[in-house]
Amino acid sequence: MENYTKKLLSKEIEDFKKVLKRINEITNFEKFCLVCLKAAKNKKKIFTAFFLGNKGGKLKKFSKYSFTIPSNNTSIIQVVELLIGQVLCDFLERNVK
């Protein structure tokens, strides 16, 4: 099972490495993210979900699902994002087989 998982994810990991390398080369990271999200929104099979702060900003319109934390205090937003992420992971581990 472990070899199957490694083989299954190897292409995705390599693609992700290419994306990270490209991000490192780009000076306007926000613009790059928005271009990627517009492309993802146009593809019906790409799932998009975000943890957002305050009112959601520019990303909200590109997300099929978003969790908006109504605060403009970065540390509060980060703590709530971690909590929600942990709850989601626990739910998935218990219910997805």
Protein backbone atom coordinates (compact mmCIF):
# COMPACT_ATOMS: atom_id res chain seq x y z
CA MET A 1 0.00 0.00 0.00
CA GLU A 2 2.83 2.40 0.85
CA ASN A 3 4.50 1.94 -2.57
CA TYR A 4 1.16 2.48 -4.31
CA THR A 5 0.64 5.72 -2.39
CA LYS A 6 4.17 6.93 -3.17
CA LYS A 7 3.70 6.15 -6.86
CA LEU A 8 0.30 7.81 -6.90
CA LEU A 9 1.57 10.99 -5.30
CA SER A 10 4.99 11.21 -6.99
CA LYS A 11 3.71 13.11 -10.03
CA GLU A 12 1.71 15.50 -7.87
CA ILE A 13 4.75 16.13 -5.67
CA GLU A 14 6.93 16.83 -8.70
CA ASP A 15 4.28 19.18 -10.13
CA PHE A 16 4.06 20.94 -6.78
CA LYS A 17 7.85 21.38 -6.72
CA LYS A 18 7.65 23.00 -10.16
CA VAL A 19 4.93 25.35 -8.95
CA LEU A 20 6.98 26.33 -5.89
CA LYS A 21 10.01 26.97 -8.07
CA ARG A 22 7.92 29.17 -10.36
CA ILE A 23 6.45 31.05 -7.40
CA ASN A 24 9.97 31.75 -6.19
CA GLU A 25 10.77 33.30 -9.59
CA ILE A 26 7.73 35.56 -9.66
CA THR A 27 7.94 38.96 -8.02
CA ASN A 28 4.19 39.62 -7.77
CA PHE A 29 3.01 36.60 -5.78
CA GLU A 30 -0.54 37.90 -5.26
CA LYS A 31 -1.04 38.33 -9.01
CA PHE A 32 0.32 34.83 -9.62
CA CYS A 33 -2.10 33.33 -7.08
CA LEU A 34 -5.06 35.11 -8.63
CA VAL A 35 -4.12 33.88 -12.12
CA CYS A 36 -3.89 30.30 -10.80
CA LEU A 37 -7.21 30.60 -9.01
CA LYS A 38 -8.95 31.98 -12.10
CA ALA A 39 -7.66 28.97 -14.03
CA ALA A 40 -8.85 26.60 -11.29
CA LYS A 41 -12.30 28.20 -11.26
CA ASN A 42 -12.63 27.62 -15.01
CA LYS A 43 -11.90 23.90 -14.58
CA LYS A 44 -14.95 22.15 -13.19
CA LYS A 45 -13.02 19.28 -11.56
CA ILE A 46 -10.71 21.43 -9.43
CA PHE A 47 -11.85 21.75 -5.83
CA THR A 48 -11.10 25.13 -4.26
CA ALA A 49 -11.50 25.92 -0.58
CA PHE A 50 -9.91 28.66 1.48
CA PHE A 51 -9.51 29.89 5.01
CA LEU A 52 -9.95 33.66 4.76
CA GLY A 53 -9.73 36.51 7.19
CA ASN A 54 -11.79 39.65 7.71
CA LYS A 55 -14.24 39.81 4.76
CA GLY A 56 -12.47 37.34 2.48
CA GLY A 57 -10.65 39.77 0.23
CA LYS A 58 -9.94 39.04 -3.44
CA LEU A 59 -9.78 35.28 -2.96
CA LYS A 60 -13.38 34.86 -1.83
CA LYS A 61 -14.85 35.12 -5.33
CA PHE A 62 -12.58 32.31 -6.59
CA SER A 63 -13.43 29.83 -3.87
CA LYS A 64 -16.18 27.28 -4.17
CA TYR A 65 -16.02 26.82 -0.40
CA SER A 66 -14.57 29.36 2.00
CA PHE A 67 -14.26 29.65 5.74
CA THR A 68 -14.13 33.34 6.56
CA ILE A 69 -12.92 34.29 10.02
CA PRO A 70 -14.45 37.71 10.78
CA SER A 71 -11.35 39.37 12.22
CA ASN A 72 -8.55 41.53 10.92
CA ASN A 73 -6.19 40.32 13.68
CA THR A 74 -3.75 37.95 11.95
CA SER A 75 -2.96 35.86 15.02
CA ILE A 76 -6.66 35.22 15.73
CA ILE A 77 -7.27 34.25 12.09
CA GLN A 78 -4.32 31.83 12.16
CA VAL A 79 -5.41 30.14 15.39
CA VAL A 80 -8.98 29.68 14.13
CA GLU A 81 -7.67 28.33 10.78
CA LEU A 82 -5.55 25.76 12.63
CA LEU A 83 -8.51 24.72 14.78
CA ILE A 84 -10.84 24.31 11.80
CA GLY A 85 -8.13 22.45 9.86
CA GLN A 86 -7.59 20.02 12.72
CA VAL A 87 -11.33 19.38 13.07
CA LEU A 88 -11.63 18.74 9.31
CA CYS A 89 -8.66 16.36 9.33
CA ASP A 90 -10.09 14.44 12.28
CA PHE A 91 -13.46 14.17 10.55
CA LEU A 92 -11.86 12.90 7.32
CA GLU A 93 -9.69 10.36 9.14
CA ARG A 94 -12.74 8.96 10.91
CA ASN A 95 -15.10 8.92 7.94
CA VAL A 96 -13.15 8.41 4.73
CA LYS A 97 -12.00 4.90 3.99
